[in-house]
N, C-alpha and C. Protein backbone atom coordinates (compact mmCIF):
# COMPACT_ATOMS: atom_id res chain seq x y z
N MET A 1 17.48 -5.27 -3.58
CA MET A 1 16.79 -4.00 -3.64
C MET A 1 17.77 -2.88 -3.28
N ALA A 2 17.40 -1.68 -3.66
CA ALA A 2 18.34 -0.58 -3.48
C ALA A 2 17.57 0.73 -3.37
N LYS A 3 18.33 1.80 -3.28
CA LYS A 3 17.71 3.11 -3.26
C LYS A 3 16.94 3.33 -4.56
N ASN A 4 15.73 3.84 -4.43
CA ASN A 4 14.89 4.06 -5.60
C ASN A 4 15.17 5.45 -6.15
N ILE A 5 15.59 5.51 -7.40
CA ILE A 5 15.94 6.79 -8.02
C ILE A 5 14.95 7.18 -9.11
N SER A 6 13.75 6.61 -9.04
CA SER A 6 12.71 6.96 -10.02
C SER A 6 12.47 8.47 -10.01
N PRO A 7 12.15 9.03 -11.18
CA PRO A 7 11.99 10.49 -11.26
C PRO A 7 10.73 11.03 -10.59
N TYR A 8 9.76 10.14 -10.28
CA TYR A 8 8.51 10.62 -9.70
C TYR A 8 8.20 9.87 -8.40
N VAL A 9 7.85 10.62 -7.36
CA VAL A 9 7.43 10.02 -6.09
C VAL A 9 6.15 10.71 -5.64
N PHE A 10 5.20 9.92 -5.19
CA PHE A 10 3.92 10.42 -4.70
C PHE A 10 3.73 10.05 -3.23
N GLN A 11 3.25 11.00 -2.47
CA GLN A 11 2.94 10.80 -1.05
C GLN A 11 1.42 10.74 -0.89
N LEU A 12 0.94 9.69 -0.26
CA LEU A 12 -0.49 9.54 0.01
C LEU A 12 -0.72 9.68 1.51
N ILE A 13 -1.57 10.61 1.90
CA ILE A 13 -1.90 10.83 3.31
C ILE A 13 -3.35 10.43 3.52
N LEU A 14 -3.54 9.40 4.33
CA LEU A 14 -4.87 8.84 4.57
C LEU A 14 -5.39 9.32 5.93
N HIS A 15 -6.52 10.02 5.90
CA HIS A 15 -7.12 10.56 7.11
C HIS A 15 -8.34 9.74 7.51
N GLY A 16 -8.43 9.46 8.81
CA GLY A 16 -9.58 8.73 9.32
C GLY A 16 -9.94 9.18 10.72
N THR A 17 -10.99 8.58 11.26
CA THR A 17 -11.39 8.86 12.64
C THR A 17 -11.81 7.57 13.32
N ILE A 18 -11.51 7.51 14.62
CA ILE A 18 -11.97 6.44 15.49
C ILE A 18 -12.36 7.08 16.81
N GLN A 19 -13.62 6.94 17.18
CA GLN A 19 -14.11 7.52 18.44
C GLN A 19 -13.70 9.00 18.56
N ALA A 20 -13.90 9.76 17.49
CA ALA A 20 -13.59 11.19 17.42
C ALA A 20 -12.09 11.48 17.46
N LEU A 21 -11.25 10.45 17.43
CA LEU A 21 -9.80 10.64 17.39
C LEU A 21 -9.32 10.53 15.95
N GLU A 22 -8.52 11.50 15.51
CA GLU A 22 -8.01 11.49 14.14
C GLU A 22 -6.92 10.44 13.99
N THR A 23 -6.96 9.73 12.88
CA THR A 23 -5.88 8.81 12.53
C THR A 23 -5.28 9.24 11.19
N ILE A 24 -3.98 9.10 11.06
CA ILE A 24 -3.28 9.44 9.82
C ILE A 24 -2.29 8.34 9.49
N ASN A 25 -2.31 7.89 8.26
CA ASN A 25 -1.30 6.97 7.74
C ASN A 25 -0.73 7.57 6.46
N VAL A 26 0.58 7.44 6.27
CA VAL A 26 1.26 8.03 5.11
C VAL A 26 1.94 6.92 4.31
N PHE A 27 1.77 6.95 3.00
CA PHE A 27 2.34 5.96 2.09
C PHE A 27 3.12 6.69 0.99
N TYR A 28 4.16 6.03 0.47
CA TYR A 28 4.95 6.61 -0.62
C TYR A 28 5.07 5.60 -1.76
N TYR A 29 4.94 6.11 -2.99
CA TYR A 29 5.06 5.30 -4.19
C TYR A 29 5.96 6.02 -5.19
N ALA A 30 6.78 5.25 -5.89
CA ALA A 30 7.72 5.82 -6.86
C ALA A 30 7.57 5.15 -8.22
N GLY A 31 7.81 5.94 -9.27
CA GLY A 31 7.72 5.39 -10.61
C GLY A 31 8.37 6.29 -11.64
N SER A 32 8.34 5.86 -12.90
CA SER A 32 9.03 6.58 -13.96
C SER A 32 8.11 7.04 -15.08
N ASP A 33 6.80 6.83 -14.93
CA ASP A 33 5.85 7.16 -15.98
C ASP A 33 5.35 8.60 -15.81
N PRO A 34 5.65 9.50 -16.75
CA PRO A 34 5.27 10.91 -16.59
C PRO A 34 3.77 11.16 -16.72
N ILE A 35 3.00 10.19 -17.21
CA ILE A 35 1.57 10.43 -17.39
C ILE A 35 0.78 10.20 -16.09
N ILE A 36 1.42 9.63 -15.07
CA ILE A 36 0.71 9.36 -13.81
C ILE A 36 0.46 10.67 -13.08
N THR A 37 -0.75 10.83 -12.57
CA THR A 37 -1.12 12.04 -11.84
C THR A 37 -1.49 11.68 -10.40
N PRO A 38 -1.51 12.66 -9.50
CA PRO A 38 -1.98 12.39 -8.15
C PRO A 38 -3.40 11.82 -8.12
N ASN A 39 -4.27 12.30 -9.01
CA ASN A 39 -5.64 11.81 -9.02
C ASN A 39 -5.72 10.34 -9.40
N THR A 40 -5.01 9.95 -10.47
CA THR A 40 -5.05 8.54 -10.87
C THR A 40 -4.39 7.66 -9.81
N THR A 41 -3.37 8.19 -9.14
CA THR A 41 -2.72 7.45 -8.06
C THR A 41 -3.70 7.22 -6.92
N SER A 42 -4.42 8.27 -6.52
CA SER A 42 -5.38 8.15 -5.44
C SER A 42 -6.49 7.16 -5.77
N LEU A 43 -7.02 7.26 -6.99
CA LEU A 43 -8.12 6.37 -7.38
C LEU A 43 -7.69 4.91 -7.35
N GLN A 44 -6.48 4.64 -7.82
CA GLN A 44 -6.01 3.26 -7.82
C GLN A 44 -5.70 2.77 -6.42
N PHE A 45 -5.20 3.64 -5.56
CA PHE A 45 -4.93 3.26 -4.17
C PHE A 45 -6.23 2.88 -3.46
N VAL A 46 -7.29 3.65 -3.71
CA VAL A 46 -8.59 3.33 -3.14
C VAL A 46 -9.06 1.97 -3.63
N SER A 47 -8.94 1.74 -4.94
CA SER A 47 -9.42 0.50 -5.54
C SER A 47 -8.59 -0.71 -5.11
N GLN A 48 -7.29 -0.56 -5.09
CA GLN A 48 -6.40 -1.70 -4.89
C GLN A 48 -6.11 -1.99 -3.42
N VAL A 49 -6.03 -0.96 -2.60
CA VAL A 49 -5.63 -1.15 -1.19
C VAL A 49 -6.81 -0.91 -0.25
N LEU A 50 -7.42 0.26 -0.36
CA LEU A 50 -8.46 0.60 0.62
C LEU A 50 -9.73 -0.24 0.47
N SER A 51 -9.91 -0.87 -0.66
CA SER A 51 -11.07 -1.77 -0.83
C SER A 51 -10.99 -2.95 0.14
N LEU A 52 -9.78 -3.27 0.61
CA LEU A 52 -9.59 -4.39 1.54
C LEU A 52 -9.63 -3.95 3.00
N TRP A 53 -9.57 -2.65 3.24
CA TRP A 53 -9.52 -2.12 4.60
C TRP A 53 -10.74 -2.48 5.45
N PRO A 54 -11.99 -2.42 4.93
CA PRO A 54 -13.15 -2.76 5.76
C PRO A 54 -13.09 -4.18 6.32
N GLY A 55 -12.40 -5.08 5.64
CA GLY A 55 -12.34 -6.47 6.09
C GLY A 55 -11.49 -6.69 7.33
N ILE A 56 -10.69 -5.68 7.71
CA ILE A 56 -9.84 -5.85 8.90
C ILE A 56 -10.16 -4.82 9.98
N CYS A 57 -11.12 -3.92 9.72
CA CYS A 57 -11.39 -2.84 10.66
C CYS A 57 -12.83 -2.84 11.16
N ASN A 58 -13.00 -2.42 12.41
CA ASN A 58 -14.29 -2.38 13.08
C ASN A 58 -15.18 -1.28 12.52
N THR A 59 -16.47 -1.44 12.74
CA THR A 59 -17.42 -0.45 12.25
C THR A 59 -17.28 0.91 12.94
N TYR A 60 -16.52 0.98 14.03
CA TYR A 60 -16.30 2.27 14.68
C TYR A 60 -15.20 3.08 14.00
N ALA A 61 -14.53 2.49 13.01
CA ALA A 61 -13.46 3.16 12.28
C ALA A 61 -13.98 3.68 10.95
N HIS A 62 -13.49 4.85 10.56
CA HIS A 62 -13.97 5.48 9.33
C HIS A 62 -12.81 6.17 8.63
N LEU A 63 -12.79 6.09 7.30
CA LEU A 63 -11.81 6.83 6.48
C LEU A 63 -12.51 8.04 5.87
N ASP A 64 -11.91 9.22 6.08
CA ASP A 64 -12.56 10.47 5.72
C ASP A 64 -12.01 11.14 4.46
N ALA A 65 -10.69 11.04 4.24
CA ALA A 65 -10.09 11.80 3.13
C ALA A 65 -8.76 11.18 2.73
N LEU A 66 -8.38 11.43 1.48
CA LEU A 66 -7.10 10.98 0.96
C LEU A 66 -6.48 12.14 0.19
N VAL A 67 -5.25 12.49 0.57
CA VAL A 67 -4.51 13.57 -0.09
C VAL A 67 -3.30 12.94 -0.77
N CYS A 68 -3.06 13.31 -2.02
CA CYS A 68 -1.89 12.82 -2.75
C CYS A 68 -1.06 14.00 -3.21
N ASN A 69 0.20 14.03 -2.81
CA ASN A 69 1.13 15.08 -3.18
C ASN A 69 2.28 14.49 -4.00
N GLN A 70 2.62 15.15 -5.08
CA GLN A 70 3.80 14.74 -5.83
C GLN A 70 5.01 15.39 -5.16
N VAL A 71 5.87 14.57 -4.57
CA VAL A 71 6.99 15.10 -3.79
C VAL A 71 8.33 14.97 -4.52
N ARG A 72 8.32 14.37 -5.68
CA ARG A 72 9.51 14.37 -6.54
C ARG A 72 9.03 14.42 -7.99
N GLY A 73 9.67 15.26 -8.79
CA GLY A 73 9.35 15.32 -10.20
C GLY A 73 8.20 16.24 -10.56
N GLY A 74 7.70 16.99 -9.58
CA GLY A 74 6.59 17.90 -9.84
C GLY A 74 5.99 18.41 -8.55
N VAL A 75 4.98 19.24 -8.67
CA VAL A 75 4.34 19.84 -7.50
C VAL A 75 2.83 19.65 -7.53
N ALA A 76 2.34 18.70 -8.31
CA ALA A 76 0.90 18.46 -8.43
C ALA A 76 0.37 17.83 -7.14
N PHE A 77 -0.92 18.00 -6.91
CA PHE A 77 -1.55 17.40 -5.74
C PHE A 77 -3.02 17.14 -6.03
N ASP A 78 -3.61 16.32 -5.17
CA ASP A 78 -5.03 15.99 -5.32
C ASP A 78 -5.58 15.67 -3.94
N SER A 79 -6.84 16.00 -3.72
CA SER A 79 -7.50 15.70 -2.46
C SER A 79 -8.89 15.17 -2.75
N MET A 80 -9.25 14.08 -2.11
CA MET A 80 -10.59 13.54 -2.29
C MET A 80 -11.18 13.12 -0.95
N GLY A 81 -12.48 13.36 -0.81
CA GLY A 81 -13.19 12.89 0.36
C GLY A 81 -13.46 11.40 0.25
N LEU A 82 -13.46 10.72 1.39
CA LEU A 82 -13.77 9.30 1.45
C LEU A 82 -14.94 9.09 2.41
N ASP A 83 -15.67 8.04 2.19
CA ASP A 83 -16.74 7.64 3.10
C ASP A 83 -16.69 6.12 3.20
N ILE A 84 -15.62 5.63 3.86
CA ILE A 84 -15.39 4.20 3.98
C ILE A 84 -15.43 3.83 5.46
N THR A 85 -16.32 2.92 5.82
CA THR A 85 -16.47 2.49 7.20
C THR A 85 -16.01 1.05 7.34
N GLY A 86 -15.39 0.74 8.48
CA GLY A 86 -14.97 -0.63 8.75
C GLY A 86 -16.15 -1.59 8.67
N GLY A 87 -15.87 -2.81 8.28
CA GLY A 87 -16.95 -3.76 8.04
C GLY A 87 -17.10 -4.84 9.09
N VAL A 88 -16.34 -4.76 10.18
CA VAL A 88 -16.36 -5.82 11.19
C VAL A 88 -17.15 -5.35 12.41
N SER A 89 -18.21 -6.05 12.74
CA SER A 89 -19.07 -5.65 13.85
C SER A 89 -18.48 -6.10 15.18
N GLY A 90 -19.16 -5.71 16.26
CA GLY A 90 -18.71 -6.07 17.60
C GLY A 90 -17.98 -4.93 18.27
N ASP A 91 -17.57 -5.16 19.51
CA ASP A 91 -16.84 -4.14 20.24
C ASP A 91 -15.47 -3.91 19.62
N GLY A 92 -15.02 -2.66 19.68
CA GLY A 92 -13.71 -2.31 19.14
C GLY A 92 -12.70 -2.12 20.25
N LEU A 93 -11.44 -2.44 19.96
CA LEU A 93 -10.36 -2.16 20.90
C LEU A 93 -10.04 -0.67 20.88
N PRO A 94 -9.31 -0.16 21.87
CA PRO A 94 -8.95 1.26 21.88
C PRO A 94 -8.22 1.64 20.59
N PRO A 95 -8.35 2.89 20.15
CA PRO A 95 -7.77 3.30 18.87
C PRO A 95 -6.26 3.25 18.80
N PHE A 96 -5.57 3.20 19.94
CA PHE A 96 -4.11 3.09 19.90
C PHE A 96 -3.66 1.65 19.69
N THR A 97 -4.60 0.72 19.69
CA THR A 97 -4.29 -0.68 19.39
C THR A 97 -4.37 -0.87 17.88
N CYS A 98 -3.33 -1.40 17.27
CA CYS A 98 -3.23 -1.39 15.81
C CYS A 98 -2.79 -2.74 15.26
N TRP A 99 -3.21 -2.99 14.04
CA TRP A 99 -2.59 -4.05 13.25
C TRP A 99 -1.24 -3.52 12.79
N ASP A 100 -0.18 -4.22 13.10
CA ASP A 100 1.17 -3.80 12.70
C ASP A 100 1.61 -4.54 11.44
N PHE A 101 2.00 -3.77 10.43
CA PHE A 101 2.52 -4.33 9.18
C PHE A 101 3.95 -3.84 8.99
N THR A 102 4.78 -4.70 8.39
CA THR A 102 6.18 -4.36 8.15
C THR A 102 6.46 -4.30 6.66
N LEU A 103 6.95 -3.14 6.19
CA LEU A 103 7.48 -3.03 4.83
C LEU A 103 8.91 -3.53 4.89
N MET A 104 9.15 -4.68 4.28
CA MET A 104 10.43 -5.37 4.46
C MET A 104 11.54 -4.70 3.66
N ARG A 105 12.64 -4.41 4.34
CA ARG A 105 13.80 -3.82 3.70
C ARG A 105 14.39 -4.79 2.68
N GLY A 106 15.06 -4.23 1.69
CA GLY A 106 15.61 -5.06 0.63
C GLY A 106 17.03 -5.53 0.87
N GLY A 107 17.74 -4.95 1.86
CA GLY A 107 19.12 -5.32 2.12
C GLY A 107 19.53 -5.02 3.54
N VAL A 108 20.68 -5.56 3.94
CA VAL A 108 21.11 -5.45 5.34
C VAL A 108 21.43 -4.02 5.74
N GLY A 109 21.84 -3.19 4.80
CA GLY A 109 22.19 -1.81 5.12
C GLY A 109 21.02 -0.86 5.13
N GLU A 110 19.81 -1.38 5.00
CA GLU A 110 18.62 -0.54 4.92
C GLU A 110 17.78 -0.70 6.19
N ARG A 111 16.60 -0.11 6.19
CA ARG A 111 15.73 -0.20 7.36
C ARG A 111 14.32 -0.56 6.91
N ASN A 112 13.60 -1.27 7.78
CA ASN A 112 12.21 -1.59 7.49
C ASN A 112 11.34 -0.36 7.62
N GLY A 113 10.17 -0.43 7.03
CA GLY A 113 9.14 0.58 7.23
C GLY A 113 7.96 -0.07 7.95
N TYR A 114 7.10 0.74 8.55
CA TYR A 114 6.01 0.19 9.35
C TYR A 114 4.71 0.94 9.06
N LYS A 115 3.62 0.19 9.04
CA LYS A 115 2.29 0.77 8.93
C LYS A 115 1.46 0.20 10.08
N ARG A 116 0.81 1.12 10.80
CA ARG A 116 -0.03 0.71 11.94
C ARG A 116 -1.46 1.15 11.65
N ILE A 117 -2.32 0.16 11.47
CA ILE A 117 -3.70 0.40 11.07
C ILE A 117 -4.60 0.18 12.27
N ALA A 118 -5.24 1.26 12.73
CA ALA A 118 -6.13 1.19 13.89
C ALA A 118 -7.51 0.70 13.48
N GLY A 119 -8.26 0.20 14.47
CA GLY A 119 -9.63 -0.22 14.21
C GLY A 119 -9.86 -1.71 14.40
N ILE A 120 -9.19 -2.31 15.38
CA ILE A 120 -9.29 -3.75 15.60
C ILE A 120 -10.57 -4.09 16.37
N SER A 121 -11.26 -5.13 15.93
CA SER A 121 -12.42 -5.63 16.64
C SER A 121 -11.98 -6.58 17.74
N GLU A 122 -12.71 -6.51 18.86
CA GLU A 122 -12.44 -7.42 19.98
C GLU A 122 -12.49 -8.88 19.53
N ASN A 123 -13.44 -9.20 18.66
CA ASN A 123 -13.59 -10.60 18.25
C ASN A 123 -12.57 -11.04 17.21
N HIS A 124 -11.66 -10.16 16.82
CA HIS A 124 -10.59 -10.54 15.89
C HIS A 124 -9.28 -10.85 16.60
N GLN A 125 -9.33 -10.89 17.93
CA GLN A 125 -8.11 -11.20 18.68
C GLN A 125 -8.46 -12.00 19.94
N VAL A 126 -7.51 -12.81 20.38
CA VAL A 126 -7.60 -13.50 21.66
C VAL A 126 -6.26 -13.36 22.34
N ASN A 127 -6.26 -12.77 23.51
CA ASN A 127 -5.03 -12.55 24.28
C ASN A 127 -3.97 -11.80 23.46
N GLY A 128 -4.44 -10.84 22.66
CA GLY A 128 -3.52 -10.01 21.90
C GLY A 128 -2.96 -10.64 20.64
N VAL A 129 -3.56 -11.73 20.18
CA VAL A 129 -3.11 -12.41 18.97
C VAL A 129 -4.28 -12.51 18.00
N ALA A 130 -4.03 -12.20 16.73
CA ALA A 130 -5.08 -12.28 15.72
C ALA A 130 -5.65 -13.69 15.63
N VAL A 131 -6.98 -13.79 15.58
CA VAL A 131 -7.60 -15.10 15.43
C VAL A 131 -7.39 -15.60 14.01
N PRO A 132 -7.36 -16.93 13.80
CA PRO A 132 -7.09 -17.47 12.46
C PRO A 132 -8.05 -16.96 11.39
N ALA A 133 -9.29 -16.66 11.76
CA ALA A 133 -10.28 -16.25 10.76
C ALA A 133 -9.92 -14.95 10.06
N VAL A 134 -9.19 -14.05 10.74
CA VAL A 134 -8.88 -12.75 10.14
C VAL A 134 -7.52 -12.75 9.44
N VAL A 135 -6.71 -13.75 9.67
CA VAL A 135 -5.35 -13.77 9.11
C VAL A 135 -5.34 -13.68 7.58
N PRO A 136 -6.22 -14.40 6.85
CA PRO A 136 -6.22 -14.23 5.38
C PRO A 136 -6.49 -12.79 4.94
N SER A 137 -7.38 -12.09 5.66
CA SER A 137 -7.67 -10.70 5.31
C SER A 137 -6.47 -9.80 5.60
N LEU A 138 -5.78 -10.06 6.70
CA LEU A 138 -4.58 -9.30 7.04
C LEU A 138 -3.48 -9.54 6.01
N THR A 139 -3.35 -10.80 5.58
CA THR A 139 -2.35 -11.13 4.57
C THR A 139 -2.66 -10.46 3.24
N ALA A 140 -3.93 -10.46 2.87
CA ALA A 140 -4.33 -9.82 1.62
C ALA A 140 -4.06 -8.32 1.66
N PHE A 141 -4.34 -7.68 2.81
CA PHE A 141 -4.08 -6.25 2.94
C PHE A 141 -2.59 -5.97 2.88
N ALA A 142 -1.79 -6.80 3.55
CA ALA A 142 -0.34 -6.64 3.49
C ALA A 142 0.18 -6.79 2.06
N ASN A 143 -0.32 -7.80 1.36
CA ASN A 143 0.11 -8.01 -0.03
C ASN A 143 -0.25 -6.81 -0.90
N ALA A 144 -1.42 -6.22 -0.67
CA ALA A 144 -1.83 -5.06 -1.45
C ALA A 144 -0.93 -3.86 -1.18
N MET A 145 -0.55 -3.65 0.08
CA MET A 145 0.35 -2.54 0.41
C MET A 145 1.75 -2.76 -0.16
N GLY A 146 2.14 -4.02 -0.32
CA GLY A 146 3.49 -4.32 -0.80
C GLY A 146 3.60 -4.47 -2.31
N ALA A 147 2.48 -4.36 -3.01
CA ALA A 147 2.46 -4.60 -4.46
C ALA A 147 2.59 -3.30 -5.24
N LEU A 148 2.97 -3.43 -6.50
CA LEU A 148 2.93 -2.29 -7.42
C LEU A 148 1.52 -1.74 -7.49
N LEU A 149 1.39 -0.44 -7.48
CA LEU A 149 0.10 0.20 -7.71
C LEU A 149 -0.12 0.21 -9.22
N ASN A 150 -1.21 -0.40 -9.65
CA ASN A 150 -1.44 -0.60 -11.08
C ASN A 150 -1.97 0.66 -11.75
N VAL A 151 -1.07 1.60 -11.98
CA VAL A 151 -1.42 2.87 -12.61
C VAL A 151 -0.35 3.20 -13.65
N GLY A 152 -0.75 3.81 -14.76
CA GLY A 152 0.22 4.10 -15.81
C GLY A 152 0.67 2.85 -16.54
N LEU A 153 1.78 2.95 -17.25
CA LEU A 153 2.27 1.82 -18.04
C LEU A 153 3.05 0.82 -17.22
N ALA A 154 3.83 1.30 -16.23
CA ALA A 154 4.70 0.41 -15.45
C ALA A 154 4.33 0.33 -13.98
N GLY A 155 3.35 1.11 -13.55
CA GLY A 155 2.94 1.06 -12.16
C GLY A 155 3.81 1.92 -11.25
N LEU A 156 3.38 2.01 -9.99
CA LEU A 156 4.14 2.72 -8.96
C LEU A 156 4.55 1.72 -7.88
N ALA A 157 5.81 1.77 -7.48
CA ALA A 157 6.32 0.83 -6.48
C ALA A 157 6.24 1.44 -5.09
N PRO A 158 5.78 0.69 -4.09
CA PRO A 158 5.82 1.20 -2.72
C PRO A 158 7.27 1.35 -2.27
N VAL A 159 7.57 2.44 -1.60
CA VAL A 159 8.94 2.70 -1.15
C VAL A 159 8.93 3.18 0.29
N ILE A 160 10.07 3.05 0.94
CA ILE A 160 10.29 3.54 2.30
C ILE A 160 11.01 4.87 2.21
N ARG A 161 10.48 5.87 2.88
CA ARG A 161 11.10 7.20 2.92
C ARG A 161 12.12 7.24 4.05
N ARG A 162 13.29 7.74 3.73
CA ARG A 162 14.35 7.82 4.74
C ARG A 162 14.84 9.27 4.83
N THR A 163 14.77 9.83 6.04
CA THR A 163 15.14 11.23 6.24
C THR A 163 16.45 11.41 6.98
N ARG A 164 16.97 10.31 7.59
CA ARG A 164 18.22 10.39 8.34
C ARG A 164 19.08 9.16 8.10
N ARG A 165 20.37 9.35 8.20
CA ARG A 165 21.31 8.23 8.20
C ARG A 165 22.35 8.49 9.28
N ASN A 166 22.49 7.56 10.20
CA ASN A 166 23.41 7.73 11.33
C ASN A 166 23.17 9.06 12.04
N HIS A 167 21.88 9.37 12.25
CA HIS A 167 21.43 10.58 12.95
C HIS A 167 21.63 11.87 12.15
N ALA A 168 22.22 11.78 10.97
CA ALA A 168 22.42 12.97 10.14
C ALA A 168 21.22 13.14 9.21
N VAL A 169 20.74 14.38 9.09
CA VAL A 169 19.60 14.66 8.22
C VAL A 169 20.00 14.52 6.76
N LEU A 170 19.18 13.80 6.00
CA LEU A 170 19.44 13.63 4.57
C LEU A 170 18.72 14.72 3.79
N SER A 171 19.46 15.38 2.91
CA SER A 171 18.87 16.40 2.05
C SER A 171 19.48 16.28 0.66
N PRO A 172 18.71 15.83 -0.33
CA PRO A 172 17.29 15.50 -0.24
C PRO A 172 17.05 14.15 0.46
N VAL A 173 15.80 13.91 0.84
CA VAL A 173 15.45 12.64 1.46
C VAL A 173 15.62 11.52 0.44
N GLU A 174 15.72 10.30 0.94
CA GLU A 174 15.90 9.13 0.07
C GLU A 174 14.66 8.25 0.13
N TYR A 175 14.46 7.49 -0.94
CA TYR A 175 13.38 6.52 -1.01
C TYR A 175 13.99 5.17 -1.37
N TRP A 176 13.58 4.12 -0.65
CA TRP A 176 14.18 2.80 -0.81
C TRP A 176 13.12 1.78 -1.19
N ASP A 177 13.50 0.89 -2.11
CA ASP A 177 12.61 -0.19 -2.52
C ASP A 177 12.38 -1.15 -1.37
N ILE A 178 11.26 -1.88 -1.43
CA ILE A 178 10.98 -2.90 -0.44
C ILE A 178 10.96 -4.27 -1.12
N SER A 179 11.08 -5.32 -0.30
CA SER A 179 11.01 -6.68 -0.85
C SER A 179 9.64 -7.30 -0.61
N GLY A 180 8.77 -6.60 0.11
CA GLY A 180 7.43 -7.10 0.36
C GLY A 180 6.86 -6.47 1.61
N CYS A 181 5.63 -6.82 1.92
CA CYS A 181 4.97 -6.32 3.13
C CYS A 181 4.32 -7.50 3.84
N LEU A 182 4.49 -7.56 5.17
CA LEU A 182 3.96 -8.67 5.96
C LEU A 182 3.15 -8.16 7.13
N TYR A 183 2.09 -8.89 7.48
CA TYR A 183 1.43 -8.62 8.75
C TYR A 183 2.33 -9.16 9.85
N ALA A 184 2.57 -8.35 10.90
CA ALA A 184 3.51 -8.74 11.95
C ALA A 184 2.82 -9.16 13.24
N ARG A 185 1.96 -8.27 13.78
CA ARG A 185 1.41 -8.53 15.11
C ARG A 185 0.37 -7.47 15.44
N ILE A 186 -0.27 -7.63 16.59
CA ILE A 186 -1.08 -6.56 17.17
C ILE A 186 -0.16 -5.73 18.05
N GLY A 187 -0.14 -4.43 17.83
CA GLY A 187 0.73 -3.55 18.60
C GLY A 187 -0.02 -2.31 19.05
N THR A 188 0.72 -1.31 19.46
CA THR A 188 0.13 -0.05 19.89
C THR A 188 0.91 1.10 19.28
N GLN A 189 0.27 2.27 19.27
CA GLN A 189 0.93 3.48 18.79
C GLN A 189 0.64 4.60 19.77
N ASN A 190 1.70 5.13 20.38
CA ASN A 190 1.53 6.13 21.43
C ASN A 190 0.79 7.37 20.95
N SER A 191 1.04 7.80 19.71
CA SER A 191 0.43 9.02 19.21
C SER A 191 -1.08 8.89 19.05
N ARG A 192 -1.61 7.66 19.12
CA ARG A 192 -3.05 7.46 19.00
C ARG A 192 -3.71 7.26 20.36
N LYS A 193 -2.97 7.39 21.43
CA LYS A 193 -3.59 7.29 22.74
C LYS A 193 -4.44 8.52 22.99
N PHE A 194 -5.47 8.37 23.79
CA PHE A 194 -6.42 9.45 24.03
C PHE A 194 -5.69 10.71 24.49
N GLY A 195 -6.01 11.85 23.82
CA GLY A 195 -5.39 13.10 24.16
C GLY A 195 -4.17 13.44 23.32
N HIS A 196 -3.72 12.49 22.49
CA HIS A 196 -2.53 12.71 21.67
C HIS A 196 -2.87 13.10 20.24
N GLY A 197 -3.88 12.51 19.66
CA GLY A 197 -4.19 12.72 18.25
C GLY A 197 -3.34 11.83 17.37
N ARG A 198 -3.80 11.64 16.14
CA ARG A 198 -3.16 10.80 15.13
C ARG A 198 -3.17 9.34 15.54
């Protein structure tokens, strides 16, 4: 894998709430098909990825909106409201407790990317480890995040955005291909602790 030089890159910003705390996750996809729009990208992301989200998230978690910005090859954008609630009942863990996923780097000179999805149910973990019953759903969600988004003729590839190299700011920013996405562990995210936001 290598640096992705596709002419079009789309940024997807996913907004949600947990216990009145805002959550934000950002995804990037790259491709070469000029007919792809932010709207078609958003619709396919909802269908292909977010359709699996309720299976790993508690009923106290909710997805509110999805914004798609074209950040390379154009300036188009799209915004849509969402009304997606987690499908797992029972008590929920604090919102800073997250399912950790790793976007696997394609080579030794690159870096991994990470996605932290809040909304874990108490009954989906024991001593901080995912119970076997939820692992297939976590694997399916990871596979969906790591797969081509089925839009346009050739699809959009998930990429890792890189803004620095050796502490130096990159201008323009770079996007790197991934070799896959894996569920890693239950972790935490400081920015989602109470009083922090996101």
